[in-house]
Amino acid sequence: MSALELRMRAVGPWPMNTYVLVCPATRSSILFDPGADPETLHTLLADTQPIAIALTHTHADHIGALNEMLDDLHVPLLAHPGPHVNDLQLPTTRILHAGDHIHLGQHQLRVYATPGHTQDMLCFAIEHDQRVIVGDTIFAGGPGRTWSAADFQTTLATLRNVILAWPDATTCYPGHGPAFTIGEKRAQIEAFLARDHGDFYGDATWEQSA
């Protein structure tokens, strides 16, 4: 069985990484985080049959083109139950929880809940594969930004209990910046978790929390 095809484009002014996964056998696809630039998103979906849109979380840069793409594609929306950013009300078709599976052609994705950057953060791992779409959970240089000390503590728990449980060969595809493997970052993450961060929150790098 051929592996899922992963397509990526950076969209919007930040920019933000939008992903599409495609089953080679059925040509069915899922669009992740339609942040901006609908024409680019349609190009990304070329020669596929979209079956869903899935969200890693609901920050504006990740959902800027959501309504337009839902109108264009007429597919279900898969998302966390919330609460969403700024109490956003989503037209969710299927609510996703940790451990849920999503069928994509001959393949399956597993859902991970990874709160911290937002309460509604999800990651999507390809079953029997090494690739995970991680949104803003984690980047090559550090964890996603937090807006309170409590959220930062939640991020630390997510790193400890979810992210570090993944094998070293796991390749993370983040919402911003380049992909990386867990093995490349494990020592830095472990050192980051070992430090006393006090009441810190905000932007952090693996080397420091301020």
N, C-alpha and C. Protein backbone atom coordinates (compact mmCIF):
# COMPACT_ATOMS: atom_id res chain seq x y z
N MET A 1 0.85 -1.20 0.00
CA MET A 1 0.00 0.00 0.00
C MET A 1 0.88 1.25 0.00
N SER A 2 0.63 2.14 -0.93
CA SER A 2 1.43 3.36 -1.04
C SER A 2 1.14 4.31 0.11
N ALA A 3 2.17 5.02 0.57
CA ALA A 3 2.02 5.99 1.65
C ALA A 3 1.17 7.18 1.21
N LEU A 4 0.54 7.82 2.18
CA LEU A 4 -0.19 9.04 1.89
C LEU A 4 0.75 10.11 1.35
N GLU A 5 0.26 10.83 0.35
CA GLU A 5 1.00 11.98 -0.18
C GLU A 5 0.71 13.19 0.72
N LEU A 6 1.75 13.89 1.12
CA LEU A 6 1.60 15.10 1.92
C LEU A 6 2.00 16.30 1.09
N ARG A 7 1.07 17.25 0.94
CA ARG A 7 1.33 18.49 0.21
C ARG A 7 1.28 19.65 1.19
N MET A 8 2.11 20.66 0.95
CA MET A 8 2.14 21.82 1.84
C MET A 8 2.32 23.10 1.04
N ARG A 9 1.64 24.15 1.47
CA ARG A 9 1.87 25.49 0.96
C ARG A 9 1.83 26.46 2.14
N ALA A 10 2.69 27.46 2.08
CA ALA A 10 2.64 28.54 3.06
C ALA A 10 1.71 29.62 2.54
N VAL A 11 0.70 29.98 3.33
CA VAL A 11 -0.31 30.95 2.90
C VAL A 11 -0.42 32.07 3.93
N GLY A 12 -0.98 33.19 3.47
CA GLY A 12 -1.22 34.32 4.37
C GLY A 12 0.03 35.13 4.64
N PRO A 13 -0.13 36.23 5.36
CA PRO A 13 0.97 37.17 5.57
C PRO A 13 2.02 36.72 6.58
N TRP A 14 1.71 35.72 7.42
CA TRP A 14 2.64 35.37 8.51
C TRP A 14 3.92 34.69 8.06
N PRO A 15 3.97 33.64 7.26
CA PRO A 15 2.90 32.84 6.69
C PRO A 15 2.58 31.61 7.56
N MET A 16 1.55 30.86 7.16
CA MET A 16 1.08 29.69 7.88
C MET A 16 1.08 28.49 6.93
N ASN A 17 1.48 27.33 7.44
CA ASN A 17 1.55 26.12 6.62
C ASN A 17 0.19 25.42 6.56
N THR A 18 -0.38 25.37 5.37
CA THR A 18 -1.57 24.57 5.11
C THR A 18 -1.12 23.23 4.52
N TYR A 19 -1.78 22.15 4.95
CA TYR A 19 -1.41 20.82 4.48
C TYR A 19 -2.60 20.13 3.82
N VAL A 20 -2.29 19.25 2.87
CA VAL A 20 -3.27 18.33 2.29
C VAL A 20 -2.67 16.93 2.31
N LEU A 21 -3.44 15.96 2.79
CA LEU A 21 -3.05 14.56 2.70
C LEU A 21 -3.91 13.91 1.63
N VAL A 22 -3.26 13.09 0.77
CA VAL A 22 -3.93 12.47 -0.37
C VAL A 22 -3.66 10.96 -0.35
N CYS A 23 -4.74 10.16 -0.46
CA CYS A 23 -4.58 8.72 -0.62
C CYS A 23 -4.28 8.43 -2.10
N PRO A 24 -3.11 7.86 -2.42
CA PRO A 24 -2.77 7.62 -3.82
C PRO A 24 -3.73 6.68 -4.53
N ALA A 25 -4.31 5.73 -3.80
CA ALA A 25 -5.17 4.73 -4.42
C ALA A 25 -6.54 5.29 -4.79
N THR A 26 -7.11 6.11 -3.90
CA THR A 26 -8.48 6.60 -4.10
C THR A 26 -8.54 8.05 -4.55
N ARG A 27 -7.40 8.77 -4.39
CA ARG A 27 -7.32 10.21 -4.69
C ARG A 27 -8.17 11.05 -3.73
N SER A 28 -8.69 10.46 -2.67
CA SER A 28 -9.41 11.24 -1.67
C SER A 28 -8.40 12.04 -0.85
N SER A 29 -8.84 13.20 -0.35
CA SER A 29 -7.92 14.10 0.34
C SER A 29 -8.61 14.80 1.50
N ILE A 30 -7.79 15.27 2.45
CA ILE A 30 -8.24 16.11 3.55
C ILE A 30 -7.39 17.36 3.58
N LEU A 31 -8.04 18.50 3.71
CA LEU A 31 -7.38 19.80 3.80
C LEU A 31 -7.26 20.19 5.28
N PHE A 32 -6.06 20.55 5.71
CA PHE A 32 -5.82 20.94 7.09
C PHE A 32 -5.50 22.43 7.18
N ASP A 33 -6.24 23.13 8.01
CA ASP A 33 -5.99 24.54 8.33
C ASP A 33 -6.00 25.45 7.09
N PRO A 34 -7.18 25.72 6.55
CA PRO A 34 -7.29 26.63 5.40
C PRO A 34 -7.16 28.08 5.86
N GLY A 35 -5.92 28.53 6.01
CA GLY A 35 -5.69 29.81 6.66
C GLY A 35 -5.93 31.03 5.80
N ALA A 36 -5.69 30.93 4.50
CA ALA A 36 -5.80 32.09 3.60
C ALA A 36 -5.64 31.61 2.17
N ASP A 37 -5.78 32.55 1.23
CA ASP A 37 -5.47 32.31 -0.18
C ASP A 37 -6.23 31.12 -0.77
N PRO A 38 -7.56 31.22 -0.90
CA PRO A 38 -8.34 30.09 -1.41
C PRO A 38 -7.86 29.55 -2.75
N GLU A 39 -7.39 30.42 -3.65
CA GLU A 39 -6.91 29.93 -4.93
C GLU A 39 -5.73 28.98 -4.75
N THR A 40 -4.84 29.32 -3.84
CA THR A 40 -3.71 28.44 -3.54
C THR A 40 -4.19 27.13 -2.95
N LEU A 41 -5.19 27.19 -2.09
CA LEU A 41 -5.72 25.98 -1.47
C LEU A 41 -6.35 25.06 -2.53
N HIS A 42 -7.06 25.62 -3.48
CA HIS A 42 -7.64 24.81 -4.55
C HIS A 42 -6.54 24.18 -5.40
N THR A 43 -5.47 24.91 -5.63
CA THR A 43 -4.34 24.34 -6.37
C THR A 43 -3.73 23.17 -5.60
N LEU A 44 -3.65 23.31 -4.29
CA LEU A 44 -3.11 22.27 -3.44
C LEU A 44 -3.96 21.00 -3.50
N LEU A 45 -5.25 21.16 -3.74
CA LEU A 45 -6.19 20.04 -3.80
C LEU A 45 -6.35 19.47 -5.21
N ALA A 46 -5.62 20.00 -6.16
CA ALA A 46 -5.78 19.60 -7.57
C ALA A 46 -5.64 18.10 -7.73
N ASP A 47 -6.48 17.53 -8.59
CA ASP A 47 -6.44 16.10 -8.94
C ASP A 47 -6.77 15.20 -7.75
N THR A 48 -7.52 15.74 -6.78
CA THR A 48 -7.96 14.94 -5.64
C THR A 48 -9.45 15.13 -5.43
N GLN A 49 -10.03 14.28 -4.59
CA GLN A 49 -11.43 14.39 -4.21
C GLN A 49 -11.48 14.71 -2.72
N PRO A 50 -11.65 16.00 -2.35
CA PRO A 50 -11.67 16.35 -0.94
C PRO A 50 -12.84 15.69 -0.21
N ILE A 51 -12.55 15.12 0.96
CA ILE A 51 -13.61 14.50 1.76
C ILE A 51 -13.83 15.20 3.08
N ALA A 52 -12.94 16.14 3.47
CA ALA A 52 -13.11 16.84 4.75
C ALA A 52 -12.11 17.98 4.85
N ILE A 53 -12.44 18.91 5.75
CA ILE A 53 -11.50 19.92 6.22
C ILE A 53 -11.30 19.64 7.70
N ALA A 54 -10.04 19.62 8.15
CA ALA A 54 -9.74 19.38 9.55
C ALA A 54 -8.92 20.55 10.10
N LEU A 55 -9.16 20.89 11.36
CA LEU A 55 -8.47 22.02 12.00
C LEU A 55 -7.58 21.55 13.13
N THR A 56 -6.34 22.09 13.16
CA THR A 56 -5.49 21.85 14.32
C THR A 56 -5.92 22.73 15.48
N HIS A 57 -6.37 23.97 15.18
CA HIS A 57 -6.90 24.87 16.20
C HIS A 57 -7.52 26.08 15.49
N THR A 58 -8.03 27.03 16.26
CA THR A 58 -8.87 28.06 15.65
C THR A 58 -8.30 29.48 15.73
N HIS A 59 -6.98 29.63 15.79
CA HIS A 59 -6.43 30.97 15.63
C HIS A 59 -6.71 31.46 14.21
N ALA A 60 -6.86 32.78 14.09
CA ALA A 60 -7.33 33.37 12.84
C ALA A 60 -6.46 33.03 11.64
N ASP A 61 -5.15 32.92 11.86
CA ASP A 61 -4.27 32.64 10.71
C ASP A 61 -4.43 31.22 10.19
N HIS A 62 -5.12 30.36 10.95
CA HIS A 62 -5.34 28.97 10.52
C HIS A 62 -6.72 28.74 9.91
N ILE A 63 -7.63 29.70 10.06
CA ILE A 63 -9.00 29.49 9.59
C ILE A 63 -9.52 30.64 8.73
N GLY A 64 -8.62 31.50 8.25
CA GLY A 64 -9.06 32.68 7.52
C GLY A 64 -9.87 32.39 6.28
N ALA A 65 -9.59 31.26 5.62
CA ALA A 65 -10.34 30.90 4.41
C ALA A 65 -11.31 29.74 4.65
N LEU A 66 -11.58 29.44 5.92
CA LEU A 66 -12.40 28.28 6.24
C LEU A 66 -13.80 28.36 5.63
N ASN A 67 -14.49 29.45 5.87
CA ASN A 67 -15.88 29.53 5.39
C ASN A 67 -15.96 29.45 3.87
N GLU A 68 -15.04 30.11 3.19
CA GLU A 68 -15.05 30.07 1.72
C GLU A 68 -14.78 28.66 1.22
N MET A 69 -13.84 27.95 1.86
CA MET A 69 -13.52 26.59 1.42
C MET A 69 -14.65 25.62 1.74
N LEU A 70 -15.33 25.82 2.86
CA LEU A 70 -16.50 24.98 3.16
C LEU A 70 -17.59 25.20 2.11
N ASP A 71 -17.79 26.45 1.73
CA ASP A 71 -18.80 26.75 0.70
C ASP A 71 -18.42 26.14 -0.64
N ASP A 72 -17.13 26.18 -0.96
CA ASP A 72 -16.66 25.68 -2.25
C ASP A 72 -16.68 24.15 -2.33
N LEU A 73 -16.26 23.51 -1.25
CA LEU A 73 -16.02 22.07 -1.30
C LEU A 73 -17.21 21.22 -0.85
N HIS A 74 -18.08 21.79 -0.02
CA HIS A 74 -19.24 21.05 0.50
C HIS A 74 -18.80 19.74 1.16
N VAL A 75 -17.83 19.87 2.09
CA VAL A 75 -17.32 18.70 2.81
C VAL A 75 -17.50 18.91 4.30
N PRO A 76 -17.45 17.83 5.09
CA PRO A 76 -17.57 17.97 6.55
C PRO A 76 -16.38 18.74 7.15
N LEU A 77 -16.66 19.38 8.28
CA LEU A 77 -15.62 20.05 9.06
C LEU A 77 -15.35 19.21 10.30
N LEU A 78 -14.07 18.86 10.50
CA LEU A 78 -13.64 18.05 11.63
C LEU A 78 -12.83 18.93 12.57
N ALA A 79 -13.24 19.02 13.85
CA ALA A 79 -12.57 19.93 14.77
C ALA A 79 -12.79 19.51 16.22
N HIS A 80 -11.98 20.05 17.08
CA HIS A 80 -12.08 19.90 18.54
C HIS A 80 -13.44 20.45 19.01
N PRO A 81 -14.00 19.91 20.10
CA PRO A 81 -15.29 20.41 20.57
C PRO A 81 -15.24 21.82 21.16
N GLY A 82 -14.06 22.31 21.48
CA GLY A 82 -13.95 23.64 22.07
C GLY A 82 -13.78 23.58 23.58
N PRO A 83 -13.73 24.74 24.25
CA PRO A 83 -13.96 26.07 23.68
C PRO A 83 -12.89 26.47 22.68
N HIS A 84 -13.34 27.23 21.69
CA HIS A 84 -12.45 27.70 20.65
C HIS A 84 -11.94 29.10 20.97
N VAL A 85 -10.97 29.55 20.20
CA VAL A 85 -10.37 30.87 20.42
C VAL A 85 -11.43 31.95 20.31
N ASN A 86 -11.46 32.85 21.29
CA ASN A 86 -12.42 33.96 21.33
C ASN A 86 -13.86 33.47 21.27
N ASP A 87 -14.10 32.27 21.84
CA ASP A 87 -15.45 31.69 21.88
C ASP A 87 -16.08 31.56 20.50
N LEU A 88 -15.24 31.33 19.51
CA LEU A 88 -15.71 31.14 18.14
C LEU A 88 -16.69 29.98 18.07
N GLN A 89 -17.76 30.17 17.31
CA GLN A 89 -18.72 29.09 17.06
C GLN A 89 -18.44 28.51 15.68
N LEU A 90 -18.07 27.25 15.64
CA LEU A 90 -17.72 26.59 14.38
C LEU A 90 -18.89 25.75 13.87
N PRO A 91 -19.04 25.65 12.55
CA PRO A 91 -20.06 24.75 11.98
C PRO A 91 -19.52 23.31 11.88
N THR A 92 -19.08 22.78 13.02
CA THR A 92 -18.41 21.48 13.02
C THR A 92 -19.38 20.36 12.67
N THR A 93 -18.95 19.48 11.79
CA THR A 93 -19.74 18.31 11.41
C THR A 93 -19.41 17.12 12.30
N ARG A 94 -18.12 16.91 12.55
CA ARG A 94 -17.67 15.82 13.42
C ARG A 94 -16.73 16.37 14.47
N ILE A 95 -17.07 16.17 15.73
CA ILE A 95 -16.22 16.58 16.84
C ILE A 95 -15.15 15.52 17.06
N LEU A 96 -13.91 15.98 17.23
CA LEU A 96 -12.78 15.08 17.39
C LEU A 96 -12.27 15.08 18.82
N HIS A 97 -11.95 13.89 19.32
CA HIS A 97 -11.38 13.72 20.65
C HIS A 97 -10.09 12.93 20.53
N ALA A 98 -9.26 13.01 21.56
CA ALA A 98 -8.02 12.24 21.60
C ALA A 98 -8.32 10.76 21.40
N GLY A 99 -7.55 10.13 20.52
CA GLY A 99 -7.72 8.71 20.25
C GLY A 99 -8.66 8.39 19.12
N ASP A 100 -9.38 9.39 18.62
CA ASP A 100 -10.26 9.17 17.48
C ASP A 100 -9.45 8.84 16.23
N HIS A 101 -10.10 8.16 15.29
CA HIS A 101 -9.48 7.85 14.02
C HIS A 101 -10.30 8.44 12.87
N ILE A 102 -9.59 8.87 11.84
CA ILE A 102 -10.20 9.44 10.65
C ILE A 102 -9.77 8.59 9.46
N HIS A 103 -10.73 8.13 8.69
CA HIS A 103 -10.43 7.33 7.50
C HIS A 103 -10.15 8.24 6.32
N LEU A 104 -9.08 7.93 5.61
CA LEU A 104 -8.73 8.66 4.39
C LEU A 104 -8.32 7.63 3.35
N GLY A 105 -9.27 7.27 2.50
CA GLY A 105 -9.00 6.23 1.52
C GLY A 105 -8.62 4.93 2.20
N GLN A 106 -7.46 4.41 1.86
CA GLN A 106 -6.97 3.16 2.45
C GLN A 106 -6.19 3.37 3.74
N HIS A 107 -6.20 4.57 4.24
CA HIS A 107 -5.37 4.92 5.40
C HIS A 107 -6.23 5.45 6.55
N GLN A 108 -5.57 5.57 7.71
CA GLN A 108 -6.22 6.16 8.88
C GLN A 108 -5.29 7.18 9.52
N LEU A 109 -5.91 8.19 10.12
CA LEU A 109 -5.20 9.16 10.93
C LEU A 109 -5.64 9.00 12.38
N ARG A 110 -4.73 9.20 13.31
CA ARG A 110 -5.07 9.19 14.73
C ARG A 110 -5.00 10.60 15.27
N VAL A 111 -5.98 10.96 16.08
CA VAL A 111 -6.09 12.30 16.65
C VAL A 111 -5.43 12.33 18.03
N TYR A 112 -4.62 13.35 18.26
CA TYR A 112 -4.04 13.62 19.58
C TYR A 112 -4.50 14.98 20.06
N ALA A 113 -4.91 15.09 21.31
CA ALA A 113 -5.21 16.38 21.92
C ALA A 113 -3.91 16.91 22.54
N THR A 114 -3.53 18.12 22.15
CA THR A 114 -2.25 18.69 22.60
C THR A 114 -2.43 20.14 23.06
N PRO A 115 -3.23 20.38 24.11
CA PRO A 115 -3.54 21.74 24.53
C PRO A 115 -2.32 22.46 25.10
N GLY A 116 -2.45 23.78 25.15
CA GLY A 116 -1.41 24.65 25.68
C GLY A 116 -1.41 25.96 24.92
N HIS A 117 -0.99 25.92 23.66
CA HIS A 117 -1.05 27.11 22.79
C HIS A 117 -2.50 27.59 22.69
N THR A 118 -3.42 26.66 22.53
CA THR A 118 -4.86 26.91 22.66
C THR A 118 -5.46 25.70 23.36
N GLN A 119 -6.70 25.88 23.85
CA GLN A 119 -7.38 24.76 24.48
C GLN A 119 -7.84 23.73 23.45
N ASP A 120 -8.01 24.17 22.20
CA ASP A 120 -8.60 23.28 21.18
C ASP A 120 -7.56 22.72 20.21
N MET A 121 -6.31 22.63 20.64
CA MET A 121 -5.24 22.17 19.76
C MET A 121 -5.29 20.67 19.56
N LEU A 122 -5.17 20.25 18.29
CA LEU A 122 -5.13 18.84 17.92
C LEU A 122 -3.93 18.58 17.02
N CYS A 123 -3.41 17.34 17.08
CA CYS A 123 -2.42 16.86 16.13
C CYS A 123 -3.00 15.65 15.40
N PHE A 124 -2.54 15.44 14.17
CA PHE A 124 -3.06 14.36 13.32
C PHE A 124 -1.89 13.49 12.86
N ALA A 125 -1.82 12.28 13.39
CA ALA A 125 -0.74 11.35 13.06
C ALA A 125 -1.23 10.33 12.04
N ILE A 126 -0.42 10.07 11.02
CA ILE A 126 -0.75 9.04 10.04
C ILE A 126 -0.42 7.68 10.65
N GLU A 127 -1.40 6.80 10.73
CA GLU A 127 -1.18 5.48 11.29
C GLU A 127 -0.20 4.69 10.43
N HIS A 128 0.68 3.91 11.09
CA HIS A 128 1.69 3.09 10.42
C HIS A 128 2.58 3.94 9.53
N ASP A 129 2.93 5.10 10.01
CA ASP A 129 3.72 6.09 9.30
C ASP A 129 4.50 6.85 10.36
N GLN A 130 5.35 7.77 9.94
CA GLN A 130 6.15 8.54 10.89
C GLN A 130 5.82 10.03 10.87
N ARG A 131 4.74 10.41 10.19
CA ARG A 131 4.46 11.82 9.99
C ARG A 131 3.24 12.27 10.81
N VAL A 132 3.39 13.46 11.41
CA VAL A 132 2.32 14.04 12.23
C VAL A 132 2.17 15.51 11.87
N ILE A 133 0.93 15.94 11.60
CA ILE A 133 0.63 17.36 11.44
C ILE A 133 0.35 17.92 12.83
N VAL A 134 1.22 18.83 13.30
CA VAL A 134 1.18 19.24 14.71
C VAL A 134 0.64 20.64 14.94
N GLY A 135 0.28 21.37 13.87
CA GLY A 135 -0.24 22.73 14.08
C GLY A 135 0.78 23.58 14.82
N ASP A 136 0.31 24.34 15.82
CA ASP A 136 1.20 25.20 16.59
C ASP A 136 1.54 24.60 17.95
N THR A 137 1.38 23.29 18.09
CA THR A 137 1.76 22.62 19.33
C THR A 137 3.24 22.79 19.61
N ILE A 138 4.04 22.58 18.58
CA ILE A 138 5.49 22.56 18.73
C ILE A 138 6.12 22.97 17.41
N PHE A 139 7.22 23.72 17.51
CA PHE A 139 7.99 24.14 16.34
C PHE A 139 9.42 23.65 16.48
N ALA A 140 10.20 23.82 15.43
CA ALA A 140 11.59 23.40 15.50
C ALA A 140 12.33 24.13 16.62
N GLY A 141 11.96 25.38 16.86
CA GLY A 141 12.69 26.19 17.84
C GLY A 141 12.11 26.25 19.23
N GLY A 142 10.90 25.72 19.42
CA GLY A 142 10.29 25.81 20.74
C GLY A 142 8.81 25.46 20.68
N PRO A 143 8.14 25.54 21.83
CA PRO A 143 6.70 25.27 21.86
C PRO A 143 5.90 26.47 21.36
N GLY A 144 4.61 26.24 21.09
CA GLY A 144 3.75 27.34 20.70
C GLY A 144 3.59 28.37 21.80
N ARG A 145 3.39 29.62 21.43
CA ARG A 145 3.22 30.71 22.38
C ARG A 145 2.03 30.44 23.32
N THR A 146 2.17 30.87 24.55
CA THR A 146 1.08 30.77 25.52
C THR A 146 0.71 32.15 26.04
N TRP A 147 -0.52 32.26 26.57
CA TRP A 147 -1.06 33.55 26.99
C TRP A 147 -1.36 33.61 28.48
N SER A 148 -0.99 32.58 29.22
CA SER A 148 -1.11 32.59 30.68
C SER A 148 -0.16 31.56 31.25
N ALA A 149 0.19 31.73 32.52
CA ALA A 149 1.06 30.76 33.18
C ALA A 149 0.42 29.38 33.22
N ALA A 150 -0.90 29.35 33.39
CA ALA A 150 -1.61 28.06 33.41
C ALA A 150 -1.51 27.37 32.05
N ASP A 151 -1.64 28.15 30.98
CA ASP A 151 -1.51 27.56 29.64
C ASP A 151 -0.10 27.05 29.40
N PHE A 152 0.90 27.76 29.92
CA PHE A 152 2.28 27.29 29.76
C PHE A 152 2.48 25.97 30.50
N GLN A 153 1.92 25.84 31.69
CA GLN A 153 2.02 24.58 32.42
C GLN A 153 1.31 23.46 31.65
N THR A 154 0.21 23.80 30.98
CA THR A 154 -0.47 22.81 30.14
C THR A 154 0.42 22.39 28.99
N THR A 155 1.12 23.34 28.38
CA THR A 155 2.06 23.02 27.32
C THR A 155 3.14 22.07 27.82
N LEU A 156 3.69 22.32 29.00
CA LEU A 156 4.72 21.44 29.55
C LEU A 156 4.18 20.02 29.71
N ALA A 157 2.95 19.91 30.19
CA ALA A 157 2.34 18.58 30.35
C ALA A 157 2.15 17.90 28.99
N THR A 158 1.74 18.66 27.98
CA THR A 158 1.58 18.11 26.63
C THR A 158 2.92 17.61 26.09
N LEU A 159 3.96 18.40 26.27
CA LEU A 159 5.28 17.98 25.81
C LEU A 159 5.72 16.70 26.51
N ARG A 160 5.50 16.65 27.81
CA ARG A 160 5.96 15.52 28.61
C ARG A 160 5.16 14.25 28.31
N ASN A 161 3.85 14.39 28.22
CA ASN A 161 2.98 13.22 28.17
C ASN A 161 2.61 12.76 26.76
N VAL A 162 2.67 13.66 25.80
CA VAL A 162 2.27 13.32 24.43
C VAL A 162 3.47 13.35 23.48
N ILE A 163 4.10 14.49 23.37
CA ILE A 163 5.12 14.67 22.33
C ILE A 163 6.32 13.74 22.55
N LEU A 164 6.84 13.68 23.78
CA LEU A 164 8.01 12.86 24.03
C LEU A 164 7.72 11.37 23.98
N ALA A 165 6.43 11.00 23.97
CA ALA A 165 6.06 9.59 23.82
C ALA A 165 6.18 9.11 22.39
N TRP A 166 6.29 10.04 21.43
CA TRP A 166 6.42 9.66 20.04
C TRP A 166 7.85 9.18 19.75
N PRO A 167 8.02 8.23 18.84
CA PRO A 167 9.37 7.73 18.50
C PRO A 167 10.25 8.82 17.90
N ASP A 168 11.56 8.61 18.02
CA ASP A 168 12.51 9.59 17.49
C ASP A 168 12.32 9.85 16.00
N ALA A 169 11.88 8.83 15.26
CA ALA A 169 11.73 8.98 13.80
C ALA A 169 10.51 9.79 13.41
N THR A 170 9.65 10.11 14.37
CA THR A 170 8.44 10.89 14.07
C THR A 170 8.81 12.23 13.47
N THR A 171 8.23 12.55 12.32
CA THR A 171 8.46 13.85 11.67
C THR A 171 7.26 14.74 11.92
N CYS A 172 7.52 15.90 12.52
CA CYS A 172 6.47 16.86 12.86
C CYS A 172 6.37 17.92 11.77
N TYR A 173 5.15 18.15 11.31
CA TYR A 173 4.88 19.18 10.30
C TYR A 173 4.09 20.29 10.98
N PRO A 174 4.77 21.40 11.33
CA PRO A 174 4.14 22.44 12.14
C PRO A 174 3.38 23.48 11.33
N GLY A 175 2.65 24.34 12.04
CA GLY A 175 1.88 25.39 11.41
C GLY A 175 2.72 26.52 10.86
N HIS A 176 3.96 26.61 11.31
CA HIS A 176 4.88 27.65 10.84
C HIS A 176 6.28 27.06 10.83
N GLY A 177 7.05 27.35 9.79
CA GLY A 177 8.43 26.91 9.75
C GLY A 177 8.61 25.49 9.24
N PRO A 178 9.85 24.99 9.33
CA PRO A 178 10.19 23.72 8.71
C PRO A 178 9.79 22.51 9.55
N ALA A 179 9.71 21.37 8.88
CA ALA A 179 9.47 20.11 9.57
C ALA A 179 10.75 19.68 10.30
N PHE A 180 10.59 18.79 11.28
CA PHE A 180 11.71 18.31 12.09
C PHE A 180 11.31 16.98 12.70
N THR A 181 12.29 16.22 13.18
CA THR A 181 11.98 14.96 13.83
C THR A 181 12.07 15.11 15.35
N ILE A 182 11.35 14.24 16.05
CA ILE A 182 11.41 14.24 17.51
C ILE A 182 12.84 13.93 17.97
N GLY A 183 13.50 13.01 17.29
CA GLY A 183 14.87 12.66 17.68
C GLY A 183 15.81 13.85 17.63
N GLU A 184 15.61 14.74 16.66
CA GLU A 184 16.46 15.93 16.55
C GLU A 184 16.27 16.89 17.71
N LYS A 185 15.11 16.86 18.34
CA LYS A 185 14.75 17.84 19.37
C LYS A 185 14.62 17.24 20.77
N ARG A 186 14.68 15.90 20.90
CA ARG A 186 14.35 15.28 22.18
C ARG A 186 15.21 15.82 23.34
N ALA A 187 16.52 15.89 23.15
CA ALA A 187 17.38 16.34 24.23
C ALA A 187 17.06 17.78 24.63
N GLN A 188 16.77 18.63 23.66
CA GLN A 188 16.42 20.02 23.96
C GLN A 188 15.09 20.11 24.71
N ILE A 189 14.13 19.30 24.29
CA ILE A 189 12.82 19.31 24.96
C ILE A 189 12.96 18.80 26.39
N GLU A 190 13.72 17.74 26.57
CA GLU A 190 13.91 17.21 27.92
C GLU A 190 14.60 18.22 28.83
N ALA A 191 15.60 18.92 28.31
CA ALA A 191 16.27 19.95 29.10
C ALA A 191 15.32 21.10 29.41
N PHE A 192 14.51 21.47 28.45
CA PHE A 192 13.50 22.52 28.65
C PHE A 192 12.54 22.14 29.77
N LEU A 193 12.09 20.89 29.78
CA LEU A 193 11.15 20.43 30.81
C LEU A 193 11.80 20.35 32.18
N ALA A 194 13.11 20.15 32.22
CA ALA A 194 13.81 20.00 33.50
C ALA A 194 14.03 21.33 34.20
N ARG A 195 13.91 22.44 33.49
CA ARG A 195 14.16 23.75 34.10
C ARG A 195 12.93 24.24 34.88
N ASP A 196 13.19 25.10 35.85
CA ASP A 196 12.12 25.76 36.61
C ASP A 196 11.74 27.04 35.88
N HIS A 197 10.54 27.07 35.30
CA HIS A 197 10.11 28.23 34.52
C HIS A 197 9.30 29.23 35.34
N GLY A 198 9.06 28.91 36.61
CA GLY A 198 8.30 29.83 37.45
C GLY A 198 6.91 30.10 36.89
N ASP A 199 6.54 31.37 36.84
CA ASP A 199 5.22 31.76 36.32
C ASP A 199 5.28 32.22 34.87
N PHE A 200 6.29 31.77 34.17
CA PHE A 200 6.49 32.22 32.79
C PHE A 200 5.31 31.86 31.89
N TYR A 201 5.07 32.71 30.89
CA TYR A 201 4.26 32.38 29.72
C TYR A 201 4.66 33.32 28.59
N GLY A 202 4.27 32.97 27.37
CA GLY A 202 4.62 33.79 26.22
C GLY A 202 5.39 32.99 25.19
N ASP A 203 6.28 33.66 24.46
CA ASP A 203 7.12 33.00 23.46
C ASP A 203 8.32 32.37 24.14
N ALA A 204 8.58 31.11 23.85
CA ALA A 204 9.71 30.41 24.44
C ALA A 204 10.52 29.71 23.36
N THR A 205 11.81 29.58 23.58
CA THR A 205 12.65 28.73 22.76
C THR A 205 13.13 27.57 23.63
N TRP A 206 13.65 26.53 23.00
CA TRP A 206 14.16 25.41 23.79
C TRP A 206 15.30 25.84 24.69
N GLU A 207 16.04 26.87 24.29
CA GLU A 207 17.18 27.29 25.08
C GLU A 207 16.79 28.12 26.30
N GLN A 208 15.68 28.85 26.17
CA GLN A 208 15.27 29.70 27.28
C GLN A 208 13.77 29.93 27.20
N SER A 209 13.20 30.42 28.30
CA SER A 209 11.75 30.63 28.36
C SER A 209 11.40 32.10 28.42
N ALA A 210 12.29 32.95 28.06
CA ALA A 210 11.98 34.38 28.07
C ALA A 210 12.85 35.09 27.04
